[in-house]
Each structure stands twice: as structure tokens, then as C-alpha cells.
Amino acid sequence: MVKIQWYPGHMHKAAREMRAALAGVDVVVELLDARLPFSSANPMLAELRRDKPVIRVMTRADLADPARTEVWTDWYRKGHQGKSLAVSARRPAEVKRIVGLCSAGFPRRPDPVVAMVAGIPNVGKSTVINILAGRSVAKTGNEPAITKRQQRVAVGDGVVLLDTPGVLWPNVENAHSGFRLAVTGAIRETAISHVEIAMYLAGFLVAQYPGPMADRYALDAGLAGGEAILEALGRSRGCLGRGGVVDMDRAARILLNDFRAGHLGGITLETPEMIEDELREVAKERAARAAKKAARKQGKSGPGSA
């Protein structure tokens, strides 16, 4: 599986600025995408915040599988990884609970509680901040990397939010996580083609959520493999070019747009068990690379080396 890499220069600058700002921050509000809670968590942020308390907010809960959201909430609770909360921008009352969680950790404090709102691109930071502020103070959009600078926003109850740009990390080791990020739009589609992203999604959906796929696109039972599924989808939707050949790019865009808009129902792209299996594979790959590197180094320093 091809690994996706996308790390614009402004993200490196944003990471440096976040590191500097954390000295004056009391709590970190890390926004995660409820459809991929683990893959949308930036490991670099954990390193940056160190021992700062963290509140994990799973956004777009209305687009996720409710049962799997409960599984992830329980996973965070059992792992003692801080408070967690699932929210939807369509239900502002859920979002507004974030302020209370921030202030609860600092009772009877005279100074404002400074909460850094952080997360990957396109996870909904600006939307959340606008709901908490009760007005439009942060630019929103469906494209990743909309916010380019930090800003402070007072949201009442003695809490000040520090908005930060969406930041990815330079190396997404788990190839599955890279594709999931691309599926949700967190990584610009210039990093990999629509077709490759959609084929990955199609294969996952037929395996994990076959009903919605079959119902929406009138697919035959027994189809397997992302390419075959996407081609069948394209035929069902009339995405045909010369000679009746399926326009795979058009078919890919249809599937990705339907998924992102929630037309296939609540879907979560990963479970804790899936992640555990994938991380074991990543560890094996890392060990194999280290062994090859050590062997090359040994060869260069062995008998007969210059």
C-alpha cells in the first residue's frame, strides 16, 4: 500500500509557534474526527503538550457510527487519556460543553483559563470556535489548512481559546491512516489521486458497511476489490466515456462526496482493534528497516571496507 505524504511548509512554522505558545496554555483541547479518532490524532501534539491536561473532542459525531463512537469513548476512558467528548456542529449544545470541561479543571481561579484548540486540518476547529464564541471569529471551509495563524477568543466562563492552524505530522507511518485522512479530506487530494482514495474507501465500505453501499449504488452482491466496486458504481451512475468505458475519476468523486456529506449514513473508518493490528504491522516494518540499515552499516564497516 502506498504511503501518503503531505506536509506544506506553513505547517512546520505552525508547529514551532504552537510549541512556543504552550508555555502560556493551561489545557489543550484536541479535536479529533469521530470517523477516525486514532488516525486524526497528531502524535506530534502529544510530544508538544507533554504533561498539559488534554480534552479530546470527537467532532462530526453525526457522520460517524454511533456504536463505534461509544467504543472509542470507552477506549479513551479505560486508557486514562483525559476527558473525551463526542460532538456535532449540528447540535451546538454538545459543543458548548467544552467550555465547562475547560474551566472545571481550574475552579475559583481569578485569571482566565487559556485553552489551546488544536488538531489536524479540516477537523472542524474553526466551526467549534465560532459556536463557542457565539459569532463568526474564525474562517471555516471544506478545504484543509484554512486557518494560517493563531488567534485568541474569549468565550465566557473565564475561558479564553487559542485557535491554531491545522497541523499534520511529516511521516504518517501507518499507510491505512494516511488513506483514511485522505478519505475525509484532511489531506489535500493533490497528494494522491481521487481514484486511489476512493478505491480504498470502496473496499472498506463493502467489507464493513455493505448495506448502505448496495442500497445507494445498486451494486451486485459478491463484488470485491476497490477497483471493481468503483467501476460498478460508475456504471450505475452513468459515469461513462467513449466506448462505454467508466470514467473512474467521476465515479471516485461521487463516492467521496457522498461519504463526506453523510449520504451513506454514519460510518467510522477504524476501531481500536483495527488500529492495534495495524500498529503491530508498522512495528514489524520499522524493525525490518532498522535491520536492513544495520546490515548495510555492518557491511560498510566490515573486512575489506575502505
C-alpha atoms as a PDB file:
ATOM      1  CA  MET A   1       0.000   0.000   0.000  1.00  0.00           C
ATOM      2  CA  VAL A   2       1.340   3.428  -0.982  1.00  0.00           C
ATOM      3  CA  LYS A   3       2.022   5.791   1.902  1.00  0.00           C
ATOM      4  CA  ILE A   4       0.631   9.332   1.585  1.00  0.00           C
ATOM      5  CA  GLN A   5       2.903  12.226   2.495  1.00  0.00           C
ATOM      6  CA  TRP A   6       1.685  15.825   2.588  1.00  0.00           C
ATOM      7  CA  TYR A   7       3.330  18.409   4.818  1.00  0.00           C
ATOM      8  CA  PRO A   8       3.204  22.008   3.478  1.00  0.00           C
ATOM      9  CA  GLY A   9       5.832  24.447   4.706  1.00  0.00           C
ATOM     10  CA  HIS A  10       3.408  26.552   6.728  1.00  0.00           C
ATOM     11  CA  MET A  11       2.661  23.520   8.943  1.00  0.00           C
ATOM     12  CA  HIS A  12       6.282  23.354  10.054  1.00  0.00           C
ATOM     13  CA  LYS A  13       6.079  27.028  11.045  1.00  0.00           C
ATOM     14  CA  ALA A  14       2.750  26.465  12.820  1.00  0.00           C
ATOM     15  CA  ALA A  15       4.229  23.596  14.853  1.00  0.00           C
ATOM     16  CA  ARG A  16       7.067  25.853  16.030  1.00  0.00           C
ATOM     17  CA  GLU A  17       4.589  28.560  17.030  1.00  0.00           C
ATOM     18  CA  MET A  18       2.445  26.053  18.918  1.00  0.00           C
ATOM     19  CA  ARG A  19       5.482  24.870  20.862  1.00  0.00           C
ATOM     20  CA  ALA A  20       6.247  28.450  21.907  1.00  0.00           C
ATOM     21  CA  ALA A  21       2.627  29.249  22.827  1.00  0.00           C
ATOM     22  CA  LEU A  22       2.149  26.172  25.015  1.00  0.00           C
ATOM     23  CA  ALA A  23       4.083  27.771  27.855  1.00  0.00           C
ATOM     24  CA  GLY A  24       1.092  30.057  28.470  1.00  0.00           C
ATOM     25  CA  VAL A  25      -1.583  27.404  27.944  1.00  0.00           C
ATOM     26  CA  ASP A  26      -3.486  25.686  30.769  1.00  0.00           C
ATOM     27  CA  VAL A  27      -5.295  22.932  28.871  1.00  0.00           C
ATOM     28  CA  VAL A  28      -5.234  21.548  25.339  1.00  0.00           C
ATOM     29  CA  VAL A  29      -8.495  20.857  23.527  1.00  0.00           C
ATOM     30  CA  GLU A  30      -7.548  18.342  20.860  1.00  0.00           C
ATOM     31  CA  LEU A  31     -10.167  17.965  18.153  1.00  0.00           C
ATOM     32  CA  LEU A  32     -10.403  14.553  16.509  1.00  0.00           C
ATOM     33  CA  ASP A  33     -12.599  13.372  13.658  1.00  0.00           C
ATOM     34  CA  ALA A  34     -15.126  10.918  15.127  1.00  0.00           C
ATOM     35  CA  ARG A  35     -14.905   8.874  11.916  1.00  0.00           C
ATOM     36  CA  LEU A  36     -11.207   8.190  12.552  1.00  0.00           C
ATOM     37  CA  PRO A  37     -10.348   9.120  16.156  1.00  0.00           C
ATOM     38  CA  PHE A  38      -6.921   7.490  16.211  1.00  0.00           C
ATOM     39  CA  SER A  39      -5.719   8.412  12.731  1.00  0.00           C
ATOM     40  CA  SER A  40      -6.784  12.032  13.216  1.00  0.00           C
ATOM     41  CA  ALA A  41      -4.749  12.358  16.427  1.00  0.00           C
ATOM     42  CA  ASN A  42      -1.445  14.112  15.760  1.00  0.00           C
ATOM     43  CA  PRO A  43       1.338  12.255  17.647  1.00  0.00           C
ATOM     44  CA  MET A  44       3.446  15.393  17.377  1.00  0.00           C
ATOM     45  CA  LEU A  45       0.893  17.246  19.528  1.00  0.00           C
ATOM     46  CA  ALA A  46       1.296  14.705  22.334  1.00  0.00           C
ATOM     47  CA  GLU A  47       5.016  15.399  22.279  1.00  0.00           C
ATOM     48  CA  LEU A  48       4.493  19.167  22.243  1.00  0.00           C
ATOM     49  CA  ARG A  49       1.971  19.374  25.089  1.00  0.00           C
ATOM     50  CA  ARG A  50       3.844  16.941  27.380  1.00  0.00           C
ATOM     51  CA  ASP A  51       2.094  16.999  30.768  1.00  0.00           C
ATOM     52  CA  LYS A  52      -0.536  19.611  29.899  1.00  0.00           C
ATOM     53  CA  PRO A  53      -4.051  18.271  30.578  1.00  0.00           C
ATOM     54  CA  VAL A  54      -5.985  17.394  27.436  1.00  0.00           C
ATOM     55  CA  ILE A  55      -9.650  17.217  26.485  1.00  0.00           C
ATOM     56  CA  ARG A  56     -10.287  15.098  23.393  1.00  0.00           C
ATOM     57  CA  VAL A  57     -13.284  16.257  21.391  1.00  0.00           C
ATOM     58  CA  MET A  58     -14.518  13.967  18.616  1.00  0.00           C
ATOM     59  CA  THR A  59     -16.147  16.236  16.040  1.00  0.00           C
ATOM     60  CA  ARG A  60     -18.586  15.300  13.265  1.00  0.00           C
ATOM     61  CA  ALA A  61     -20.192  12.698  15.518  1.00  0.00           C
ATOM     62  CA  ASP A  62     -23.325  12.971  13.345  1.00  0.00           C
ATOM     63  CA  LEU A  63     -21.342  11.480  10.433  1.00  0.00           C
ATOM     64  CA  ALA A  64     -19.825   8.641  12.497  1.00  0.00           C
ATOM     65  CA  ASP A  65     -21.169   5.253  13.533  1.00  0.00           C
ATOM     66  CA  PRO A  66     -22.754   5.875  16.990  1.00  0.00           C
ATOM     67  CA  ALA A  67     -21.878   2.388  18.243  1.00  0.00           C
ATOM     68  CA  ARG A  68     -18.239   2.789  17.284  1.00  0.00           C
ATOM     69  CA  THR A  69     -18.150   6.271  18.814  1.00  0.00           C
ATOM     70  CA  GLU A  70     -19.182   4.665  22.112  1.00  0.00           C
ATOM     71  CA  VAL A  71     -16.390   2.124  21.688  1.00  0.00           C
ATOM     72  CA  TRP A  72     -13.832   4.896  21.221  1.00  0.00           C
ATOM     73  CA  THR A  73     -15.190   6.906  24.168  1.00  0.00           C
ATOM     74  CA  ASP A  74     -14.837   3.817  26.366  1.00  0.00           C
ATOM     75  CA  TRP A  75     -11.336   3.198  24.975  1.00  0.00           C
ATOM     76  CA  TYR A  76     -10.201   6.686  25.993  1.00  0.00           C
ATOM     77  CA  ARG A  77     -11.801   6.326  29.434  1.00  0.00           C
ATOM     78  CA  LYS A  78     -10.160   2.979  30.155  1.00  0.00           C
ATOM     79  CA  GLY A  79      -6.809   4.237  28.934  1.00  0.00           C
ATOM     80  CA  HIS A  80      -6.912   7.211  31.342  1.00  0.00           C
ATOM     81  CA  GLN A  81      -6.091   9.514  28.439  1.00  0.00           C
ATOM     82  CA  GLY A  82      -8.000  12.535  29.705  1.00  0.00           C
ATOM     83  CA  LYS A  83     -11.602  13.614  29.210  1.00  0.00           C
ATOM     84  CA  SER A  84     -13.324  12.868  25.923  1.00  0.00           C
ATOM     85  CA  LEU A  85     -16.473  14.206  24.315  1.00  0.00           C
ATOM     86  CA  ALA A  86     -18.297  13.475  21.048  1.00  0.00           C
ATOM     87  CA  VAL A  87     -19.974  16.476  19.416  1.00  0.00           C
ATOM     88  CA  SER A  88     -21.707  17.598  16.245  1.00  0.00           C
ATOM     89  CA  ALA A  89     -21.833  21.152  14.909  1.00  0.00           C
ATOM     90  CA  ARG A  90     -25.489  20.455  14.154  1.00  0.00           C
ATOM     91  CA  ARG A  91     -26.063  20.165  17.896  1.00  0.00           C
ATOM     92  CA  PRO A  92     -24.454  23.316  19.371  1.00  0.00           C
ATOM     93  CA  ALA A  93     -25.374  22.394  22.947  1.00  0.00           C
ATOM     94  CA  GLU A  94     -22.941  19.472  22.726  1.00  0.00           C
ATOM     95  CA  VAL A  95     -20.151  21.760  21.534  1.00  0.00           C
ATOM     96  CA  LYS A  96     -20.765  24.283  24.299  1.00  0.00           C
ATOM     97  CA  ARG A  97     -19.973  21.634  26.919  1.00  0.00           C
ATOM     98  CA  ILE A  98     -16.304  22.123  26.003  1.00  0.00           C
ATOM     99  CA  VAL A  99     -16.151  25.422  27.932  1.00  0.00           C
ATOM    100  CA  GLY A 100     -17.347  23.790  31.132  1.00  0.00           C
ATOM    101  CA  LEU A 101     -14.820  20.985  30.789  1.00  0.00           C
ATOM    102  CA  CYS A 102     -12.031  23.549  30.393  1.00  0.00           C
ATOM    103  CA  SER A 103     -12.987  25.612  33.437  1.00  0.00           C
ATOM    104  CA  ALA A 104     -13.760  22.575  35.629  1.00  0.00           C
ATOM    105  CA  GLY A 105     -10.085  21.776  35.991  1.00  0.00           C
ATOM    106  CA  PHE A 106      -9.312  25.223  37.425  1.00  0.00           C
ATOM    107  CA  PRO A 107     -12.059  26.096  39.971  1.00  0.00           C
ATOM    108  CA  ARG A 108     -12.106  29.538  41.645  1.00  0.00           C
ATOM    109  CA  ARG A 109      -9.211  30.740  39.516  1.00  0.00           C
ATOM    110  CA  PRO A 110      -9.008  34.561  39.163  1.00  0.00           C
ATOM    111  CA  ASP A 111      -7.170  34.535  35.823  1.00  0.00           C
ATOM    112  CA  PRO A 112      -8.728  33.275  32.596  1.00  0.00           C
ATOM    113  CA  VAL A 113      -8.152  29.640  31.690  1.00  0.00           C
ATOM    114  CA  VAL A 114      -6.276  29.527  28.398  1.00  0.00           C
ATOM    115  CA  ALA A 115      -7.284  26.541  26.272  1.00  0.00           C
ATOM    116  CA  MET A 116      -5.378  25.767  23.086  1.00  0.00           C
ATOM    117  CA  VAL A 117      -7.645  24.343  20.387  1.00  0.00           C
ATOM    118  CA  ALA A 118      -5.548  22.066  18.219  1.00  0.00           C
ATOM    119  CA  GLY A 119      -5.992  19.355  15.640  1.00  0.00           C
ATOM    120  CA  ILE A 120      -5.284  18.246  12.119  1.00  0.00           C
ATOM    121  CA  PRO A 121      -6.539  20.188   9.065  1.00  0.00           C
ATOM    122  CA  ASN A 122     -10.252  20.089   8.255  1.00  0.00           C
ATOM    123  CA  VAL A 123     -11.263  18.619  11.608  1.00  0.00           C
ATOM    124  CA  GLY A 124     -13.650  21.485  12.367  1.00  0.00           C
ATOM    125  CA  LYS A 125     -11.655  23.735  14.705  1.00  0.00           C
ATOM    126  CA  SER A 126     -12.992  26.987  13.285  1.00  0.00           C
ATOM    127  CA  THR A 127     -16.588  25.745  13.351  1.00  0.00           C
ATOM    128  CA  VAL A 128     -16.254  24.712  17.003  1.00  0.00           C
ATOM    129  CA  ILE A 129     -14.686  28.046  17.973  1.00  0.00           C
ATOM    130  CA  ASN A 130     -17.430  30.020  16.204  1.00  0.00           C
ATOM    131  CA  ILE A 131     -20.110  28.062  18.084  1.00  0.00           C
ATOM    132  CA  LEU A 132     -18.371  28.643  21.424  1.00  0.00           C
ATOM    133  CA  ALA A 133     -17.849  32.340  20.701  1.00  0.00           C
ATOM    134  CA  GLY A 134     -21.423  32.795  19.519  1.00  0.00           C
ATOM    135  CA  ARG A 135     -20.222  34.677  16.465  1.00  0.00           C
ATOM    136  CA  SER A 136     -18.041  34.242  13.401  1.00  0.00           C
ATOM    137  CA  VAL A 137     -14.473  34.780  14.548  1.00  0.00           C
ATOM    138  CA  ALA A 138     -12.686  32.001  12.653  1.00  0.00           C
ATOM    139  CA  LYS A 139     -12.719  31.251   8.947  1.00  0.00           C
ATOM    140  CA  THR A 140     -14.353  27.957   8.005  1.00  0.00           C
ATOM    141  CA  GLY A 141     -14.261  25.846   4.866  1.00  0.00           C
ATOM    142  CA  ASN A 142     -14.224  22.327   3.466  1.00  0.00           C
ATOM    143  CA  GLU A 143     -10.590  22.534   2.361  1.00  0.00           C
ATOM    144  CA  PRO A 144      -7.753  21.577   4.727  1.00  0.00           C
ATOM    145  CA  ALA A 145      -5.344  24.200   6.090  1.00  0.00           C
ATOM    146  CA  ILE A 146      -7.804  27.140   6.163  1.00  0.00           C
ATOM    147  CA  THR A 147      -6.501  28.678   9.420  1.00  0.00           C
ATOM    148  CA  LYS A 148      -2.973  30.043   8.923  1.00  0.00           C
ATOM    149  CA  ARG A 149      -2.279  31.814  12.246  1.00  0.00           C
ATOM    150  CA  GLN A 150      -3.068  31.750  15.953  1.00  0.00           C
ATOM    151  CA  GLN A 151      -5.752  33.958  17.493  1.00  0.00           C
ATOM    152  CA  ARG A 152      -7.248  34.343  20.968  1.00  0.00           C
ATOM    153  CA  VAL A 153     -11.008  34.237  21.520  1.00  0.00           C
ATOM    154  CA  ALA A 154     -12.812  34.875  24.832  1.00  0.00           C
ATOM    155  CA  VAL A 155     -15.816  32.534  25.146  1.00  0.00           C
ATOM    156  CA  GLY A 156     -17.094  33.366  28.630  1.00  0.00           C
ATOM    157  CA  ASP A 157     -16.968  31.488  31.960  1.00  0.00           C
ATOM    158  CA  GLY A 158     -13.380  32.660  32.385  1.00  0.00           C
ATOM    159  CA  VAL A 159     -12.115  30.722  29.367  1.00  0.00           C
ATOM    160  CA  VAL A 160     -10.012  32.069  26.506  1.00  0.00           C
ATOM    161  CA  LEU A 161      -9.470  29.868  23.463  1.00  0.00           C
ATOM    162  CA  LEU A 162      -6.252  29.928  21.483  1.00  0.00           C
ATOM    163  CA  ASP A 163      -7.042  28.953  17.904  1.00  0.00           C
ATOM    164  CA  THR A 164      -4.196  27.304  15.984  1.00  0.00           C
ATOM    165  CA  PRO A 165      -3.699  26.199  12.378  1.00  0.00           C
ATOM    166  CA  GLY A 166      -4.353  22.590  11.473  1.00  0.00           C
ATOM    167  CA  VAL A 167      -1.095  20.671  11.643  1.00  0.00           C
ATOM    168  CA  LEU A 168      -0.214  17.245  10.265  1.00  0.00           C
ATOM    169  CA  TRP A 169       2.986  15.384  11.022  1.00  0.00           C
ATOM    170  CA  PRO A 170       5.771  14.787   8.472  1.00  0.00           C
ATOM    171  CA  ASN A 171       5.602  10.998   8.309  1.00  0.00           C
ATOM    172  CA  VAL A 172       2.331   9.041   8.502  1.00  0.00           C
ATOM    173  CA  GLU A 173       3.829   5.603   9.157  1.00  0.00           C
ATOM    174  CA  ASN A 174       0.544   3.706   9.080  1.00  0.00           C
ATOM    175  CA  ALA A 175      -0.496   3.652   5.415  1.00  0.00           C
ATOM    176  CA  HIS A 176      -4.103   2.933   6.401  1.00  0.00           C
ATOM    177  CA  SER A 177      -4.188   6.117   8.482  1.00  0.00           C
ATOM    178  CA  GLY A 178      -2.871   8.081   5.519  1.00  0.00           C
ATOM    179  CA  PHE A 179      -5.674   6.836   3.288  1.00  0.00           C
ATOM    180  CA  ARG A 180      -8.313   7.482   5.952  1.00  0.00           C
ATOM    181  CA  LEU A 181      -7.087  11.061   6.322  1.00  0.00           C
ATOM    182  CA  ALA A 182      -7.348  11.478   2.559  1.00  0.00           C
ATOM    183  CA  VAL A 183     -10.834   9.947   2.515  1.00  0.00           C
ATOM    184  CA  THR A 184     -12.118  12.556   4.975  1.00  0.00           C
ATOM    185  CA  GLY A 185     -10.340  15.426   3.204  1.00  0.00           C
ATOM    186  CA  ALA A 186      -7.733  16.131   5.879  1.00  0.00           C
ATOM    187  CA  ILE A 187      -5.011  15.705   3.246  1.00  0.00           C
ATOM    188  CA  ARG A 188      -5.318  17.620   0.003  1.00  0.00           C
ATOM    189  CA  GLU A 189      -6.185  15.426  -2.945  1.00  0.00           C
ATOM    190  CA  THR A 190      -3.141  16.705  -4.800  1.00  0.00           C
ATOM    191  CA  ALA A 191      -1.159  14.271  -2.625  1.00  0.00           C
ATOM    192  CA  ILE A 192      -2.829  11.245  -4.252  1.00  0.00           C
ATOM    193  CA  SER A 193      -5.472  10.697  -6.918  1.00  0.00           C
ATOM    194  CA  HIS A 194      -9.218  10.633  -6.232  1.00  0.00           C
ATOM    195  CA  VAL A 195      -9.340   7.169  -7.741  1.00  0.00           C
ATOM    196  CA  GLU A 196      -6.808   5.612  -5.343  1.00  0.00           C
ATOM    197  CA  ILE A 197      -8.525   7.204  -2.347  1.00  0.00           C
ATOM    198  CA  ALA A 198     -11.982   6.121  -3.497  1.00  0.00           C
ATOM    199  CA  MET A 199     -10.860   2.563  -4.240  1.00  0.00           C
ATOM    200  CA  TYR A 200      -9.546   2.283  -0.692  1.00  0.00           C
ATOM    201  CA  LEU A 201     -12.849   3.614   0.669  1.00  0.00           C
ATOM    202  CA  ALA A 202     -14.937   1.350  -1.581  1.00  0.00           C
ATOM    203  CA  GLY A 203     -13.116  -1.762  -0.429  1.00  0.00           C
ATOM    204  CA  PHE A 204     -13.553  -0.774   3.213  1.00  0.00           C
ATOM    205  CA  LEU A 205     -17.249   0.042   2.880  1.00  0.00           C
ATOM    206  CA  VAL A 206     -18.175  -3.194   1.124  1.00  0.00           C
ATOM    207  CA  ALA A 207     -16.373  -5.134   3.858  1.00  0.00           C
ATOM    208  CA  GLN A 208     -17.641  -3.139   6.839  1.00  0.00           C
ATOM    209  CA  TYR A 209     -20.844  -1.384   5.698  1.00  0.00           C
ATOM    210  CA  PRO A 210     -22.148  -3.365   2.710  1.00  0.00           C
ATOM    211  CA  GLY A 211     -25.806  -2.395   3.129  1.00  0.00           C
ATOM    212  CA  PRO A 212     -25.519   1.363   2.501  1.00  0.00           C
ATOM    213  CA  MET A 213     -23.218   0.817  -0.491  1.00  0.00           C
ATOM    214  CA  ALA A 214     -25.565  -1.703  -2.133  1.00  0.00           C
ATOM    215  CA  ASP A 215     -28.669   0.381  -1.462  1.00  0.00           C
ATOM    216  CA  ARG A 216     -27.313   3.677  -2.754  1.00  0.00           C
ATOM    217  CA  TYR A 217     -25.489   2.420  -5.833  1.00  0.00           C
ATOM    218  CA  ALA A 218     -27.459  -0.749  -6.693  1.00  0.00           C
ATOM    219  CA  LEU A 219     -24.326  -2.888  -6.549  1.00  0.00           C
ATOM    220  CA  ASP A 220     -24.398  -6.632  -7.073  1.00  0.00           C
ATOM    221  CA  ALA A 221     -23.634  -8.816  -4.091  1.00  0.00           C
ATOM    222  CA  GLY A 222     -20.269 -10.509  -4.145  1.00  0.00           C
ATOM    223  CA  LEU A 223     -18.303  -7.644  -5.610  1.00  0.00           C
ATOM    224  CA  ALA A 224     -14.805  -7.486  -4.112  1.00  0.00           C
ATOM    225  CA  GLY A 225     -11.812  -5.216  -4.578  1.00  0.00           C
ATOM    226  CA  GLY A 226     -11.873  -1.444  -4.637  1.00  0.00           C
ATOM    227  CA  GLU A 227     -11.363  -1.137  -8.386  1.00  0.00           C
ATOM    228  CA  ALA A 228     -14.203  -3.495  -9.306  1.00  0.00           C
ATOM    229  CA  ILE A 229     -16.547  -1.825  -6.840  1.00  0.00           C
ATOM    230  CA  LEU A 230     -15.729   1.674  -8.065  1.00  0.00           C
ATOM    231  CA  GLU A 231     -16.187   0.620 -11.680  1.00  0.00           C
ATOM    232  CA  ALA A 232     -19.604  -0.885 -10.876  1.00  0.00           C
ATOM    233  CA  LEU A 233     -20.560   2.293  -9.037  1.00  0.00           C
ATOM    234  CA  GLY A 234     -19.527   4.346 -12.070  1.00  0.00           C
ATOM    235  CA  ARG A 235     -21.689   2.240 -14.377  1.00  0.00           C
ATOM    236  CA  SER A 236     -24.681   2.509 -12.058  1.00  0.00           C
ATOM    237  CA  ARG A 237     -24.343   6.305 -12.036  1.00  0.00           C
ATOM    238  CA  GLY A 238     -23.693   6.677 -15.772  1.00  0.00           C
ATOM    239  CA  CYS A 239     -20.071   7.783 -15.451  1.00  0.00           C
ATOM    240  CA  LEU A 240     -19.238   6.548 -18.943  1.00  0.00           C
ATOM    241  CA  GLY A 241     -16.843   7.890 -21.535  1.00  0.00           C
ATOM    242  CA  ARG A 242     -16.141   6.863 -25.093  1.00  0.00           C
ATOM    243  CA  GLY A 243     -16.791   3.217 -25.867  1.00  0.00           C
ATOM    244  CA  GLY A 244     -18.687   2.789 -22.617  1.00  0.00           C
ATOM    245  CA  VAL A 245     -15.514   2.954 -20.535  1.00  0.00           C
ATOM    246  CA  VAL A 246     -16.130   4.045 -16.949  1.00  0.00           C
ATOM    247  CA  ASP A 247     -14.754   7.458 -16.023  1.00  0.00           C
ATOM    248  CA  MET A 248     -13.140   6.344 -12.785  1.00  0.00           C
ATOM    249  CA  ASP A 249     -12.351   9.885 -11.667  1.00  0.00           C
ATOM    250  CA  ARG A 250     -16.032  10.887 -11.854  1.00  0.00           C
ATOM    251  CA  ALA A 251     -17.047   7.734 -10.025  1.00  0.00           C
ATOM    252  CA  ALA A 252     -14.421   8.407  -7.358  1.00  0.00           C
ATOM    253  CA  ARG A 253     -15.663  11.942  -6.778  1.00  0.00           C
ATOM    254  CA  ILE A 254     -19.241  10.710  -6.399  1.00  0.00           C
ATOM    255  CA  LEU A 255     -18.262   8.178  -3.738  1.00  0.00           C
ATOM    256  CA  LEU A 256     -16.016  10.582  -1.812  1.00  0.00           C
ATOM    257  CA  ASN A 257     -18.581  13.389  -1.878  1.00  0.00           C
ATOM    258  CA  ASP A 258     -21.364  11.046  -0.743  1.00  0.00           C
ATOM    259  CA  PHE A 259     -19.245   9.746   2.133  1.00  0.00           C
ATOM    260  CA  ARG A 260     -18.172  13.202   3.284  1.00  0.00           C
ATOM    261  CA  ALA A 261     -21.728  14.522   3.145  1.00  0.00           C
ATOM    262  CA  GLY A 262     -23.050  11.593   5.185  1.00  0.00           C
ATOM    263  CA  HIS A 263     -25.246  10.230   2.389  1.00  0.00           C
ATOM    264  CA  LEU A 264     -24.097   6.683   3.225  1.00  0.00           C
ATOM    265  CA  GLY A 265     -25.127   7.020   6.875  1.00  0.00           C
ATOM    266  CA  GLY A 266     -22.976   7.071   9.998  1.00  0.00           C
ATOM    267  CA  ILE A 267     -19.648   5.437   9.224  1.00  0.00           C
ATOM    268  CA  THR A 268     -16.480   5.073  11.284  1.00  0.00           C
ATOM    269  CA  LEU A 269     -13.366   4.052   9.405  1.00  0.00           C
ATOM    270  CA  GLU A 270     -11.471   2.394  12.262  1.00  0.00           C
ATOM    271  CA  THR A 271     -11.834   0.589  15.580  1.00  0.00           C
ATOM    272  CA  PRO A 272      -9.318   0.150  18.416  1.00  0.00           C
ATOM    273  CA  GLU A 273      -8.842  -3.485  17.362  1.00  0.00           C
ATOM    274  CA  MET A 274      -8.074  -2.485  13.768  1.00  0.00           C
ATOM    275  CA  ILE A 275      -5.549   0.073  14.979  1.00  0.00           C
ATOM    276  CA  GLU A 276      -3.825  -2.439  17.248  1.00  0.00           C
ATOM    277  CA  ASP A 277      -3.377  -4.840  14.322  1.00  0.00           C
ATOM    278  CA  GLU A 278      -2.085  -2.083  12.044  1.00  0.00           C
ATOM    279  CA  LEU A 279       0.357  -0.778  14.627  1.00  0.00           C
ATOM    280  CA  ARG A 280       1.796  -4.262  15.016  1.00  0.00           C
ATOM    281  CA  GLU A 281       2.430  -4.293  11.257  1.00  0.00           C
ATOM    282  CA  VAL A 282       4.004  -0.829  11.445  1.00  0.00           C
ATOM    283  CA  ALA A 283       6.311  -2.067  14.229  1.00  0.00           C
ATOM    284  CA  LYS A 284       7.353  -5.049  12.082  1.00  0.00           C
ATOM    285  CA  GLU A 285       8.073  -2.784   9.108  1.00  0.00           C
ATOM    286  CA  ARG A 286      10.067  -0.415  11.320  1.00  0.00           C
ATOM    287  CA  ALA A 287      12.106  -3.308  12.740  1.00  0.00           C
ATOM    288  CA  ALA A 288      12.765  -4.662   9.233  1.00  0.00           C
ATOM    289  CA  ARG A 289      14.001  -1.247   8.049  1.00  0.00           C
ATOM    290  CA  ALA A 290      16.238  -0.937  11.100  1.00  0.00           C
ATOM    291  CA  ALA A 291      17.685  -4.407  10.467  1.00  0.00           C
ATOM    292  CA  LYS A 292      18.447  -3.576   6.830  1.00  0.00           C
ATOM    293  CA  LYS A 293      20.059  -0.304   7.854  1.00  0.00           C
ATOM    294  CA  ALA A 294      22.208  -2.081  10.451  1.00  0.00           C
ATOM    295  CA  ALA A 295      23.208  -4.728   7.894  1.00  0.00           C
ATOM    296  CA  ARG A 296      24.270  -2.061   5.391  1.00  0.00           C
ATOM    297  CA  LYS A 297      26.241  -0.267   8.074  1.00  0.00           C
ATOM    298  CA  GLN A 298      27.893  -3.505   9.136  1.00  0.00           C
ATOM    299  CA  GLY A 299      28.785  -4.277   5.533  1.00  0.00           C
ATOM    300  CA  LYS A 300      30.442  -0.932   5.056  1.00  0.00           C
ATOM    301  CA  SER A 301      32.487  -1.250   8.250  1.00  0.00           C
ATOM    302  CA  GLY A 302      33.350  -4.950   7.810  1.00  0.00           C
ATOM    303  CA  PRO A 303      36.513  -6.578   6.413  1.00  0.00           C
ATOM    304  CA  GLY A 304      37.753  -5.021   3.225  1.00  0.00           C
ATOM    305  CA  SER A 305      35.885  -1.719   3.713  1.00  0.00           C
ATOM    306  CA  ALA A 306      37.800   1.430   2.891  1.00  0.00           C
END
